[in-house]
N, C-alpha and C. Protein backbone atom coordinates (compact mmCIF):
# COMPACT_ATOMS: atom_id res chain seq x y z
N MET A 1 5.78 18.18 33.31
CA MET A 1 4.96 18.38 31.98
C MET A 1 3.92 17.35 31.81
N PRO A 2 2.61 17.91 31.61
CA PRO A 2 1.50 17.03 31.61
C PRO A 2 1.52 16.02 30.59
N ARG A 3 1.01 14.97 30.87
CA ARG A 3 1.08 13.85 30.04
C ARG A 3 -0.03 13.97 28.82
N LYS A 4 0.44 13.84 27.56
CA LYS A 4 -0.49 14.16 26.38
C LYS A 4 -1.50 12.97 26.35
N LYS A 5 -2.74 13.38 26.11
CA LYS A 5 -3.86 12.46 26.20
C LYS A 5 -4.75 12.46 24.75
N LYS A 6 -4.40 13.50 24.01
CA LYS A 6 -5.26 13.35 22.82
C LYS A 6 -4.36 13.57 21.46
N GLY A 7 -4.92 13.34 20.30
CA GLY A 7 -4.23 13.40 19.05
C GLY A 7 -4.39 12.04 18.37
N MET A 8 -3.96 11.95 17.18
CA MET A 8 -3.95 10.68 16.41
C MET A 8 -3.15 9.77 16.81
N LYS A 9 -3.65 8.59 17.36
CA LYS A 9 -2.75 7.58 17.92
C LYS A 9 -1.81 6.80 17.00
N PHE A 10 -0.46 6.83 17.25
CA PHE A 10 0.30 5.92 16.39
C PHE A 10 1.24 5.02 17.03
N GLU A 11 1.74 3.97 16.28
CA GLU A 11 2.62 3.03 16.91
C GLU A 11 3.89 3.22 15.91
N LEU A 12 4.78 2.67 16.59
CA LEU A 12 6.20 2.59 15.71
C LEU A 12 6.30 1.14 15.37
N LEU A 13 6.73 1.01 14.08
CA LEU A 13 6.94 -0.35 13.44
C LEU A 13 8.37 -0.48 12.94
N PRO A 14 9.08 -1.66 13.01
CA PRO A 14 10.29 -1.75 12.45
C PRO A 14 10.34 -1.85 10.91
N ARG A 15 11.24 -1.30 10.38
CA ARG A 15 11.54 -1.36 8.89
C ARG A 15 12.56 -2.60 8.59
N PRO A 16 12.72 -3.03 7.43
CA PRO A 16 13.61 -3.99 7.18
C PRO A 16 15.04 -3.70 7.40
N THR A 17 15.42 -2.33 6.98
CA THR A 17 16.57 -1.82 6.98
C THR A 17 17.17 -1.35 8.34
N LYS A 18 18.38 -1.29 8.64
CA LYS A 18 18.93 -1.17 10.11
C LYS A 18 19.66 0.35 10.04
N GLY A 19 19.65 0.89 11.32
CA GLY A 19 20.41 2.01 11.52
C GLY A 19 21.93 1.67 11.84
N GLU A 20 22.66 2.83 12.19
CA GLU A 20 24.01 2.70 12.56
C GLU A 20 24.18 1.89 13.79
N ASP A 21 23.19 1.81 14.69
CA ASP A 21 23.27 1.15 15.90
C ASP A 21 22.90 -0.42 15.65
N GLY A 22 22.66 -0.82 14.46
CA GLY A 22 22.35 -2.12 14.28
C GLY A 22 21.03 -2.49 14.57
N LYS A 23 20.04 -1.61 15.00
CA LYS A 23 18.66 -1.90 15.39
C LYS A 23 17.85 -1.51 14.01
N PRO A 24 16.64 -2.02 13.92
CA PRO A 24 15.93 -1.67 12.67
C PRO A 24 15.26 -0.13 12.79
N LEU A 25 15.34 0.48 11.81
CA LEU A 25 14.85 1.94 11.67
C LEU A 25 13.31 1.61 11.82
N LEU A 26 12.69 2.88 12.25
CA LEU A 26 11.36 2.78 12.71
C LEU A 26 10.55 3.60 11.67
N TYR A 27 9.28 3.39 11.65
CA TYR A 27 8.31 4.39 10.85
C TYR A 27 7.02 4.44 11.48
N PRO A 28 6.28 5.54 11.76
CA PRO A 28 5.17 5.44 12.42
C PRO A 28 3.90 4.96 11.58
N HIS A 29 2.86 4.61 12.16
CA HIS A 29 1.71 4.03 11.68
C HIS A 29 0.52 4.21 12.50
N PRO A 30 -0.55 4.84 11.89
CA PRO A 30 -1.73 4.98 12.72
C PRO A 30 -2.22 3.64 13.53
N ALA A 31 -2.40 3.78 14.93
CA ALA A 31 -2.66 2.73 15.70
C ALA A 31 -4.04 2.30 15.85
N VAL A 32 -5.06 3.06 15.18
CA VAL A 32 -6.27 2.76 15.29
C VAL A 32 -6.69 1.99 13.93
N GLY A 33 -7.17 0.66 14.00
CA GLY A 33 -7.33 -0.13 12.96
C GLY A 33 -8.76 -0.30 12.49
N ARG A 34 -9.56 0.87 12.75
CA ARG A 34 -11.00 0.95 12.60
C ARG A 34 -11.19 1.13 11.17
N LYS A 35 -12.11 0.51 10.56
CA LYS A 35 -12.61 0.67 9.22
C LYS A 35 -14.03 1.06 9.07
N TRP A 36 -14.38 1.99 8.34
CA TRP A 36 -15.83 2.48 8.35
C TRP A 36 -16.20 1.93 6.89
N SER A 37 -17.45 1.37 6.96
CA SER A 37 -18.05 0.94 5.64
C SER A 37 -18.81 1.93 4.90
N MET A 38 -19.10 1.62 3.64
CA MET A 38 -19.76 2.72 2.74
C MET A 38 -21.14 2.88 3.28
N ARG A 39 -21.73 1.92 4.10
CA ARG A 39 -23.02 1.85 4.49
C ARG A 39 -22.97 3.02 5.66
N THR A 40 -21.84 2.90 6.58
CA THR A 40 -21.74 4.01 7.67
C THR A 40 -21.63 5.26 7.14
N LEU A 41 -20.95 5.42 6.13
CA LEU A 41 -20.72 6.87 5.61
C LEU A 41 -21.93 7.36 4.78
N ASP A 42 -22.73 6.57 4.38
CA ASP A 42 -23.91 6.82 3.65
C ASP A 42 -25.03 7.08 4.75
N GLU A 43 -25.08 6.36 5.68
CA GLU A 43 -26.07 6.72 6.91
C GLU A 43 -25.64 8.10 7.61
N PHE A 44 -24.49 8.28 7.58
CA PHE A 44 -23.95 9.61 8.30
C PHE A 44 -24.29 10.80 7.50
N CYS A 45 -24.12 10.58 6.19
CA CYS A 45 -24.52 11.83 5.24
C CYS A 45 -25.89 11.98 5.13
N ASN A 46 -26.69 10.90 5.13
CA ASN A 46 -28.15 10.92 5.32
C ASN A 46 -28.70 11.66 6.47
N LYS A 47 -27.91 11.43 7.66
CA LYS A 47 -28.37 12.08 8.85
C LYS A 47 -27.82 13.46 9.30
N TYR A 48 -26.65 13.69 8.76
CA TYR A 48 -25.93 14.80 9.21
C TYR A 48 -25.65 16.02 7.95
N ARG A 49 -25.77 15.39 6.75
CA ARG A 49 -25.44 16.24 5.50
C ARG A 49 -26.46 16.46 4.54
N GLY A 50 -27.62 16.17 5.09
CA GLY A 50 -28.86 16.39 4.16
C GLY A 50 -28.94 15.73 2.85
N MET A 51 -28.32 14.64 2.70
CA MET A 51 -28.43 13.60 1.60
C MET A 51 -29.45 12.46 1.61
N SER A 52 -29.96 12.18 0.68
CA SER A 52 -31.00 11.17 0.79
C SER A 52 -30.34 9.87 0.95
N LYS A 53 -31.16 8.88 1.62
CA LYS A 53 -30.35 7.51 1.91
C LYS A 53 -29.98 6.89 0.65
N GLY A 54 -28.83 6.33 0.65
CA GLY A 54 -28.26 5.66 -0.39
C GLY A 54 -27.69 6.45 -1.60
N GLU A 55 -27.84 7.83 -1.26
CA GLU A 55 -27.31 8.84 -2.44
C GLU A 55 -25.86 8.74 -2.58
N LEU A 56 -24.92 8.68 -1.43
CA LEU A 56 -23.63 8.64 -1.47
C LEU A 56 -23.27 7.30 -2.20
N THR A 57 -23.89 6.19 -1.84
CA THR A 57 -23.46 4.85 -2.36
C THR A 57 -23.65 5.04 -3.99
N ARG A 58 -24.73 5.61 -4.43
CA ARG A 58 -25.07 5.69 -5.67
C ARG A 58 -24.09 6.55 -6.50
N VAL A 59 -23.67 7.64 -5.82
CA VAL A 59 -22.48 8.49 -6.49
C VAL A 59 -21.35 7.66 -6.67
N PHE A 60 -20.95 6.96 -5.69
CA PHE A 60 -19.74 6.21 -5.89
C PHE A 60 -19.82 5.01 -6.89
N GLU A 61 -20.88 4.39 -7.01
CA GLU A 61 -21.21 3.37 -7.97
C GLU A 61 -21.17 4.01 -9.46
N ALA A 62 -21.76 5.18 -9.70
CA ALA A 62 -21.88 5.89 -10.85
C ALA A 62 -20.33 6.25 -10.99
N PHE A 63 -19.72 6.78 -10.28
CA PHE A 63 -18.12 7.25 -10.46
C PHE A 63 -17.20 5.97 -10.87
N LEU A 64 -17.49 4.84 -10.35
CA LEU A 64 -16.78 3.65 -10.73
C LEU A 64 -16.87 3.33 -12.20
N ASP A 65 -18.18 3.47 -12.65
CA ASP A 65 -18.65 3.10 -13.97
C ASP A 65 -18.00 4.13 -14.97
N VAL A 66 -18.33 5.41 -14.74
CA VAL A 66 -17.92 6.47 -15.52
C VAL A 66 -16.45 6.69 -15.63
N ALA A 67 -15.85 6.77 -14.37
CA ALA A 67 -14.42 6.97 -14.40
C ALA A 67 -13.68 5.90 -15.24
N ALA A 68 -13.90 4.68 -14.88
CA ALA A 68 -13.45 3.49 -15.79
C ALA A 68 -13.51 3.74 -17.11
N GLY A 69 -14.64 4.17 -17.58
CA GLY A 69 -14.92 4.32 -19.14
C GLY A 69 -13.86 5.35 -19.72
N PHE A 70 -13.84 6.51 -18.90
CA PHE A 70 -12.98 7.62 -19.46
C PHE A 70 -11.43 7.37 -19.30
N MET A 71 -11.14 6.53 -18.35
CA MET A 71 -9.63 6.10 -18.08
C MET A 71 -9.28 4.97 -18.93
N GLU A 72 -10.11 4.23 -19.80
CA GLU A 72 -9.65 2.98 -20.51
C GLU A 72 -8.63 3.54 -21.71
N ASP A 73 -8.61 4.79 -22.14
CA ASP A 73 -7.57 5.18 -23.05
C ASP A 73 -6.28 5.80 -22.44
N GLY A 74 -6.25 5.61 -21.13
CA GLY A 74 -4.97 6.11 -20.36
C GLY A 74 -5.33 7.48 -19.83
N SER A 75 -6.33 8.11 -19.80
CA SER A 75 -6.77 9.40 -19.49
C SER A 75 -6.63 9.34 -17.77
N ARG A 76 -6.33 10.60 -17.16
CA ARG A 76 -6.38 10.93 -15.80
C ARG A 76 -7.65 11.70 -15.54
N ILE A 77 -8.36 11.12 -14.30
CA ILE A 77 -9.52 11.92 -13.92
C ILE A 77 -9.19 12.82 -12.60
N GLU A 78 -9.62 14.07 -12.84
CA GLU A 78 -9.42 14.95 -11.68
C GLU A 78 -10.73 15.27 -10.87
N THR A 79 -10.61 15.04 -9.63
CA THR A 79 -11.89 15.18 -8.70
C THR A 79 -11.58 16.00 -7.51
N PRO A 80 -12.41 16.45 -6.78
CA PRO A 80 -12.16 17.34 -5.64
C PRO A 80 -11.34 16.51 -4.65
N ILE A 81 -11.27 15.23 -4.57
CA ILE A 81 -10.55 14.46 -3.71
C ILE A 81 -9.11 14.18 -4.05
N GLY A 82 -8.94 14.18 -5.45
CA GLY A 82 -7.81 13.93 -6.12
C GLY A 82 -7.86 13.38 -7.40
N SER A 83 -6.65 12.91 -8.00
CA SER A 83 -6.80 12.49 -9.34
C SER A 83 -6.65 10.79 -9.44
N PHE A 84 -7.27 10.29 -10.58
CA PHE A 84 -6.97 8.79 -10.57
C PHE A 84 -6.47 8.70 -12.14
N ALA A 85 -5.64 7.74 -12.14
CA ALA A 85 -5.00 7.28 -13.68
C ALA A 85 -4.59 5.85 -13.56
N PRO A 86 -4.64 5.26 -14.70
CA PRO A 86 -4.15 3.84 -14.75
C PRO A 86 -2.54 3.83 -14.59
N LYS A 87 -2.16 2.74 -13.91
CA LYS A 87 -0.72 2.66 -13.62
C LYS A 87 -0.26 1.48 -14.47
N LEU A 88 0.74 1.58 -15.34
CA LEU A 88 1.25 0.43 -16.19
C LEU A 88 2.61 -0.03 -15.80
N LYS A 89 2.91 -1.31 -16.01
CA LYS A 89 4.14 -1.66 -15.58
C LYS A 89 4.79 -2.58 -16.87
N ILE A 90 5.97 -2.84 -16.93
CA ILE A 90 6.61 -3.62 -18.12
C ILE A 90 7.13 -4.93 -17.46
N LYS A 91 6.99 -6.10 -18.29
CA LYS A 91 7.50 -7.28 -17.94
C LYS A 91 8.93 -7.47 -18.47
N GLY A 92 9.84 -7.38 -17.35
CA GLY A 92 11.33 -7.40 -17.74
C GLY A 92 12.05 -6.07 -17.77
N ASP A 93 13.34 -6.14 -18.09
CA ASP A 93 13.95 -4.98 -18.16
C ASP A 93 14.36 -4.68 -19.76
N PHE A 94 14.14 -3.50 -20.18
CA PHE A 94 14.40 -2.91 -21.70
C PHE A 94 15.05 -1.65 -21.68
N SER A 95 15.97 -1.58 -22.39
CA SER A 95 16.63 -0.19 -22.71
C SER A 95 16.34 0.13 -24.17
N ASP A 96 16.00 -0.81 -25.03
CA ASP A 96 15.78 -0.51 -26.42
C ASP A 96 14.20 -0.36 -26.64
N PRO A 97 13.62 0.66 -27.05
CA PRO A 97 12.22 0.81 -27.24
C PRO A 97 11.70 -0.20 -28.52
N ALA A 98 12.63 -0.44 -29.37
CA ALA A 98 12.05 -1.28 -30.53
C ALA A 98 11.79 -2.69 -30.03
N LYS A 99 12.38 -3.13 -28.93
CA LYS A 99 12.36 -4.57 -28.48
C LYS A 99 11.01 -4.67 -27.65
N VAL A 100 10.47 -3.49 -27.18
CA VAL A 100 9.26 -3.70 -26.48
C VAL A 100 7.92 -3.92 -27.14
N LYS A 101 7.26 -5.07 -26.97
CA LYS A 101 6.06 -5.42 -27.63
C LYS A 101 4.86 -5.05 -26.93
N HIS A 102 3.80 -5.05 -27.49
CA HIS A 102 2.49 -4.62 -27.02
C HIS A 102 2.19 -5.35 -25.68
N ASP A 103 2.36 -6.75 -25.72
CA ASP A 103 1.90 -7.47 -24.49
C ASP A 103 3.00 -7.59 -23.50
N ASP A 104 4.11 -6.81 -23.66
CA ASP A 104 5.21 -6.82 -22.57
C ASP A 104 4.71 -5.57 -21.52
N VAL A 105 3.39 -4.89 -21.74
CA VAL A 105 3.24 -3.83 -20.90
C VAL A 105 1.93 -4.34 -20.36
N TYR A 106 1.55 -4.21 -19.13
CA TYR A 106 0.37 -4.67 -18.45
C TYR A 106 -0.18 -3.60 -17.30
N PHE A 107 -1.55 -3.70 -17.01
CA PHE A 107 -2.06 -2.98 -16.22
C PHE A 107 -1.69 -3.27 -14.82
N ALA A 108 -1.28 -2.37 -14.05
CA ALA A 108 -0.68 -2.65 -12.68
C ALA A 108 -1.54 -2.00 -11.58
N GLY A 109 -2.78 -1.56 -11.80
CA GLY A 109 -3.66 -0.91 -10.79
C GLY A 109 -3.87 0.61 -11.07
N ILE A 110 -4.50 1.22 -10.08
CA ILE A 110 -4.83 2.83 -10.45
C ILE A 110 -4.09 3.65 -9.32
N GLU A 111 -3.44 4.57 -10.02
CA GLU A 111 -2.71 5.52 -9.18
C GLU A 111 -3.60 6.70 -8.76
N PHE A 112 -3.50 6.76 -7.40
CA PHE A 112 -4.38 7.86 -6.78
C PHE A 112 -3.40 9.08 -6.21
N ILE A 113 -3.61 10.38 -6.59
CA ILE A 113 -2.91 11.35 -6.05
C ILE A 113 -4.02 12.32 -5.26
N PRO A 114 -4.01 12.27 -4.01
CA PRO A 114 -4.84 13.19 -3.13
C PRO A 114 -4.67 14.48 -3.53
N SER A 115 -6.00 15.30 -3.55
CA SER A 115 -5.61 16.70 -3.84
C SER A 115 -5.35 17.38 -2.62
N LYS A 116 -4.93 18.75 -3.00
CA LYS A 116 -4.47 19.60 -1.89
C LYS A 116 -5.53 19.93 -0.89
N ARG A 117 -6.77 20.11 -1.38
CA ARG A 117 -7.90 20.26 -0.72
C ARG A 117 -8.18 19.11 0.30
N PHE A 118 -7.97 17.91 -0.21
CA PHE A 118 -8.42 16.79 0.76
C PHE A 118 -7.30 16.69 1.82
N ASN A 119 -6.04 16.87 1.37
CA ASN A 119 -4.82 16.87 2.33
C ASN A 119 -5.28 18.00 3.53
N GLN A 120 -5.54 19.16 2.93
CA GLN A 120 -5.85 20.31 3.92
C GLN A 120 -7.07 19.98 4.81
N GLU A 121 -8.02 19.36 4.29
CA GLU A 121 -9.21 19.05 5.12
C GLU A 121 -8.92 18.17 6.31
N LEU A 122 -8.07 17.10 5.99
CA LEU A 122 -7.62 16.45 7.05
C LEU A 122 -6.65 16.85 8.06
N GLU A 123 -5.70 17.78 7.53
CA GLU A 123 -4.81 18.37 8.24
C GLU A 123 -5.30 19.32 9.14
N ASP A 124 -6.32 19.93 8.75
CA ASP A 124 -7.06 20.98 9.58
C ASP A 124 -7.62 20.32 10.94
N ARG A 125 -7.95 19.08 10.79
CA ARG A 125 -8.63 18.39 11.75
C ARG A 125 -7.61 17.72 12.82
N LEU A 126 -6.30 17.87 12.52
CA LEU A 126 -5.39 17.21 13.30
C LEU A 126 -4.63 18.28 14.24
N ASP A 127 -5.63 19.16 14.88
CA ASP A 127 -5.13 20.22 15.60
C ASP A 127 -4.48 19.72 17.06
N GLU A 128 -4.92 18.46 17.26
CA GLU A 128 -4.30 17.85 18.57
C GLU A 128 -3.00 17.15 18.45
N GLY A 129 -2.49 17.09 17.15
CA GLY A 129 -1.22 16.47 17.02
C GLY A 129 -1.34 15.05 16.95
N PHE A 130 -0.33 14.38 17.36
CA PHE A 130 -0.19 12.88 17.45
C PHE A 130 0.01 12.47 18.89
N LEU A 131 -0.28 11.17 18.93
CA LEU A 131 -0.07 10.62 20.43
C LEU A 131 0.58 9.10 20.26
N LYS A 132 1.78 9.13 20.71
CA LYS A 132 2.49 7.60 20.66
C LYS A 132 1.77 6.86 21.70
N VAL A 133 1.34 5.60 21.15
CA VAL A 133 0.65 4.61 22.11
C VAL A 133 1.62 3.55 22.54
N THR A 134 2.60 3.26 21.83
CA THR A 134 3.51 2.19 22.16
C THR A 134 4.83 2.51 21.66
N ASP A 135 6.02 2.16 22.26
CA ASP A 135 7.45 2.57 21.73
C ASP A 135 7.64 1.83 20.38
N VAL A 136 7.67 0.51 20.40
CA VAL A 136 7.83 -0.17 19.20
C VAL A 136 7.10 -1.60 19.28
N LYS A 137 6.22 -1.78 18.25
CA LYS A 137 5.37 -2.95 18.29
C LYS A 137 5.98 -4.09 17.49
N TYR A 138 6.34 -5.28 18.16
CA TYR A 138 6.73 -6.28 17.42
C TYR A 138 5.79 -7.37 17.74
N ASP A 139 5.05 -7.68 16.76
CA ASP A 139 4.07 -8.89 16.82
C ASP A 139 4.72 -10.13 16.80
N ARG A 140 5.93 -10.22 16.32
CA ARG A 140 6.72 -11.50 16.21
C ARG A 140 8.37 -10.98 16.37
N PRO A 141 9.05 -11.96 16.72
CA PRO A 141 10.44 -11.67 16.82
C PRO A 141 11.03 -11.12 15.53
N GLU A 142 12.02 -10.30 15.66
CA GLU A 142 12.51 -9.72 14.53
C GLU A 142 13.30 -10.74 13.65
N PRO A 143 12.94 -10.90 12.29
CA PRO A 143 13.34 -11.82 11.57
C PRO A 143 14.89 -11.71 11.13
N SER A 144 15.67 -12.93 11.21
CA SER A 144 17.06 -12.83 10.92
C SER A 144 17.18 -13.08 9.39
N GLU A 145 18.44 -12.76 8.99
CA GLU A 145 18.68 -13.09 7.57
C GLU A 145 18.49 -14.60 7.03
N THR A 146 18.69 -15.43 8.03
CA THR A 146 18.52 -17.00 7.85
C THR A 146 17.10 -17.14 7.61
N ASN A 147 16.13 -16.43 8.44
CA ASN A 147 14.68 -16.70 8.40
C ASN A 147 14.25 -16.23 7.01
N VAL A 148 14.83 -15.10 6.49
CA VAL A 148 14.43 -14.46 5.23
C VAL A 148 14.79 -15.35 4.12
N GLU A 149 15.92 -15.89 4.18
CA GLU A 149 16.45 -16.74 2.98
C GLU A 149 15.53 -17.89 3.04
N ASP A 150 15.34 -18.45 4.24
CA ASP A 150 14.39 -19.75 4.25
C ASP A 150 13.10 -19.51 3.73
N ALA A 151 12.52 -18.20 4.16
CA ALA A 151 11.21 -17.88 3.89
C ALA A 151 11.07 -17.83 2.22
N LEU A 152 11.96 -17.35 1.64
CA LEU A 152 12.06 -17.17 0.11
C LEU A 152 12.05 -18.40 -0.43
N GLN A 153 12.85 -19.51 0.02
CA GLN A 153 12.98 -20.64 -0.40
C GLN A 153 11.66 -21.45 -0.25
N ARG A 154 11.06 -21.38 0.81
CA ARG A 154 9.72 -21.95 1.00
C ARG A 154 8.58 -21.51 0.11
N CYS A 155 8.51 -20.19 -0.12
CA CYS A 155 7.46 -19.62 -0.77
C CYS A 155 7.67 -20.00 -2.24
N LEU A 156 8.97 -20.07 -2.73
CA LEU A 156 9.19 -20.40 -4.07
C LEU A 156 8.98 -21.71 -4.45
N GLN A 157 8.53 -22.80 -3.50
CA GLN A 157 8.20 -24.08 -3.79
C GLN A 157 6.92 -24.05 -4.80
N LYS A 158 6.28 -22.84 -4.62
CA LYS A 158 4.92 -22.85 -5.33
C LYS A 158 5.15 -22.16 -6.77
N GLY A 159 6.44 -21.65 -6.78
CA GLY A 159 6.90 -21.03 -8.19
C GLY A 159 6.81 -19.42 -7.94
N TYR A 160 6.23 -18.83 -7.02
CA TYR A 160 6.35 -17.43 -6.78
C TYR A 160 6.03 -17.03 -5.31
N ILE A 161 6.19 -15.80 -4.92
CA ILE A 161 6.08 -15.55 -3.58
C ILE A 161 4.87 -14.57 -3.48
N THR A 162 4.08 -14.75 -2.44
CA THR A 162 2.96 -13.71 -2.08
C THR A 162 3.39 -12.92 -0.79
N ILE A 163 2.87 -11.73 -0.63
CA ILE A 163 3.11 -11.07 0.69
C ILE A 163 2.74 -11.89 1.92
N ARG A 164 1.74 -12.47 1.80
CA ARG A 164 1.11 -13.17 3.00
C ARG A 164 1.98 -14.31 3.36
N SER A 165 2.42 -15.14 2.33
CA SER A 165 3.21 -16.26 2.71
C SER A 165 4.55 -15.99 3.23
N PHE A 166 5.17 -14.98 2.57
CA PHE A 166 6.55 -14.51 2.96
C PHE A 166 6.36 -13.90 4.35
N ALA A 167 5.35 -13.21 4.68
CA ALA A 167 5.13 -12.60 6.08
C ALA A 167 5.16 -13.91 7.15
N TYR A 168 4.49 -14.80 6.63
CA TYR A 168 4.18 -15.99 7.58
C TYR A 168 5.60 -16.72 7.97
N TRP A 169 6.43 -17.07 6.75
CA TRP A 169 7.50 -17.76 6.92
C TRP A 169 8.59 -16.91 7.55
N SER A 170 8.79 -15.62 7.32
CA SER A 170 9.79 -14.76 7.58
C SER A 170 9.49 -14.20 9.05
N GLY A 171 8.35 -14.19 9.43
CA GLY A 171 8.08 -13.61 10.77
C GLY A 171 7.74 -12.03 10.79
N MET A 172 7.73 -11.67 9.70
CA MET A 172 7.44 -10.15 9.39
C MET A 172 6.07 -9.72 9.59
N LYS A 173 5.66 -8.59 9.83
CA LYS A 173 4.32 -8.10 9.78
C LYS A 173 4.03 -8.09 8.31
N TYR A 174 2.65 -8.15 8.10
CA TYR A 174 2.37 -7.95 6.36
C TYR A 174 2.75 -6.77 5.79
N SER A 175 2.75 -5.79 6.51
CA SER A 175 3.10 -4.26 5.86
C SER A 175 4.53 -4.25 5.76
N THR A 176 5.38 -4.90 6.69
CA THR A 176 6.87 -4.74 6.64
C THR A 176 7.12 -5.82 5.48
N ALA A 177 6.48 -6.98 5.40
CA ALA A 177 6.86 -8.07 4.42
C ALA A 177 6.65 -7.44 2.77
N ARG A 178 5.58 -6.58 2.80
CA ARG A 178 5.27 -6.03 1.56
C ARG A 178 6.38 -4.94 1.08
N GLN A 179 6.65 -3.99 2.06
CA GLN A 179 7.61 -3.19 1.81
C GLN A 179 9.12 -3.74 1.50
N TRP A 180 9.44 -4.95 2.20
CA TRP A 180 10.70 -5.40 1.91
C TRP A 180 10.64 -6.19 0.56
N LEU A 181 9.66 -6.72 0.03
CA LEU A 181 9.47 -7.38 -1.17
C LEU A 181 9.43 -6.41 -2.34
N LEU A 182 8.86 -5.31 -2.21
CA LEU A 182 8.69 -4.23 -3.08
C LEU A 182 10.13 -3.62 -3.30
N SER A 183 10.96 -3.45 -2.27
CA SER A 183 12.20 -2.89 -2.27
C SER A 183 13.18 -3.62 -3.15
N LYS A 184 12.93 -4.98 -3.00
CA LYS A 184 13.69 -5.96 -3.84
C LYS A 184 13.39 -6.00 -5.29
N CYS A 185 12.35 -5.21 -5.57
CA CYS A 185 12.10 -5.12 -7.11
C CYS A 185 12.66 -3.89 -7.89
N GLU A 186 13.46 -3.02 -6.93
CA GLU A 186 13.90 -1.65 -7.35
C GLU A 186 15.53 -1.90 -7.76
N GLY A 187 16.02 -0.83 -8.28
CA GLY A 187 17.39 -0.56 -8.60
C GLY A 187 17.75 -1.28 -9.79
N GLU A 188 19.11 -1.07 -10.18
CA GLU A 188 19.63 -1.59 -11.62
C GLU A 188 19.72 -3.08 -11.66
N ASN A 189 19.76 -3.78 -10.42
CA ASN A 189 19.90 -5.19 -10.56
C ASN A 189 19.06 -5.82 -9.26
N PRO A 190 17.54 -5.67 -9.72
CA PRO A 190 16.65 -6.03 -8.82
C PRO A 190 16.78 -7.59 -8.54
N LEU A 191 16.38 -7.92 -7.27
CA LEU A 191 16.37 -9.42 -6.91
C LEU A 191 15.21 -10.05 -7.36
N LEU A 192 14.06 -9.34 -7.20
CA LEU A 192 12.67 -9.97 -7.73
C LEU A 192 12.02 -9.05 -8.75
N LYS A 193 10.96 -9.67 -9.29
CA LYS A 193 10.18 -8.89 -10.31
C LYS A 193 8.70 -9.11 -9.75
N CYS A 194 7.74 -8.27 -9.95
CA CYS A 194 6.50 -8.29 -9.43
C CYS A 194 5.36 -8.37 -10.64
N ASP A 195 4.47 -9.18 -10.57
CA ASP A 195 3.25 -9.31 -11.25
C ASP A 195 2.08 -9.29 -10.48
N ARG A 196 0.90 -8.88 -11.08
CA ARG A 196 -0.35 -8.80 -10.39
C ARG A 196 -1.12 -9.94 -11.02
N GLU A 197 -1.78 -10.80 -10.17
CA GLU A 197 -2.61 -11.72 -10.51
C GLU A 197 -4.03 -11.35 -9.81
N GLY A 198 -5.11 -10.79 -10.52
CA GLY A 198 -6.18 -10.22 -9.71
C GLY A 198 -5.89 -9.05 -8.75
N ARG A 199 -6.03 -9.54 -7.49
CA ARG A 199 -5.86 -8.56 -6.52
C ARG A 199 -4.51 -8.87 -5.68
N THR A 200 -3.73 -9.90 -6.10
CA THR A 200 -2.61 -10.43 -5.42
C THR A 200 -1.32 -10.29 -6.14
N LEU A 201 -0.41 -9.77 -5.58
CA LEU A 201 0.97 -9.62 -6.12
C LEU A 201 1.77 -10.93 -5.94
N HIS A 202 2.33 -11.24 -7.14
CA HIS A 202 3.26 -12.31 -7.24
C HIS A 202 4.71 -12.02 -7.43
N PHE A 203 5.59 -12.31 -6.59
CA PHE A 203 7.04 -11.96 -6.73
C PHE A 203 7.65 -13.13 -7.27
N LYS A 204 8.59 -12.96 -8.29
CA LYS A 204 9.46 -14.01 -8.88
C LYS A 204 10.75 -13.56 -8.90
N PRO A 205 11.86 -14.51 -8.85
CA PRO A 205 13.31 -14.07 -8.62
C PRO A 205 13.68 -13.79 -10.24
N CYS A 206 14.56 -12.79 -10.21
CA CYS A 206 15.15 -12.33 -11.45
C CYS A 206 16.32 -13.06 -11.69
N ARG A 207 16.91 -13.68 -10.68
CA ARG A 207 18.02 -14.65 -10.80
C ARG A 207 18.05 -15.60 -9.73
N GLN A 208 18.88 -16.53 -9.74
CA GLN A 208 18.89 -17.86 -8.84
C GLN A 208 19.09 -17.29 -7.40
N LEU A 209 18.21 -17.60 -6.44
CA LEU A 209 18.26 -17.28 -5.09
C LEU A 209 19.09 -18.37 -4.51
């Protein structure tokens, strides 16, 4: 069987949860970490899509301004690439609506749902499928439960946990640490609660750790 040489390259990363064999469950992640700047996209559209120089950048700048204005009352914006809407969260756990005050709710970012057309445009370009470039990528040794507990305590010395500090002390990759922390904010009895300070997520314990 010929060796596959083309396709979107992916790597396998360990999840915090484990399978029946005791090993971490895996998930695929694009292996190409390249990022294209707005300037590069703008120059490409100028050269190959008949757009004037800076036109794409100006469109995005106008969209940021106009969309934010329309969304400030909670509206959703529908576009060819998908829809945008404010995402809200609540401070604490409530079951009685009468106990929820105005300042208990806060802005938690923007929800983006890609359109069917956008998804289809990308899917149509994946005719070569996918190419595994490594079996499992461990940038650091798999963290133990002891490491995780120690990491939580070290991070809480500042009063809160950030993804970056937790990843550092636990030995997890940033993406794995983020997934682990967010998973602990779910369920009927969450271990952590999450607040956003600017662009940084702050995690705090719901009970004594």
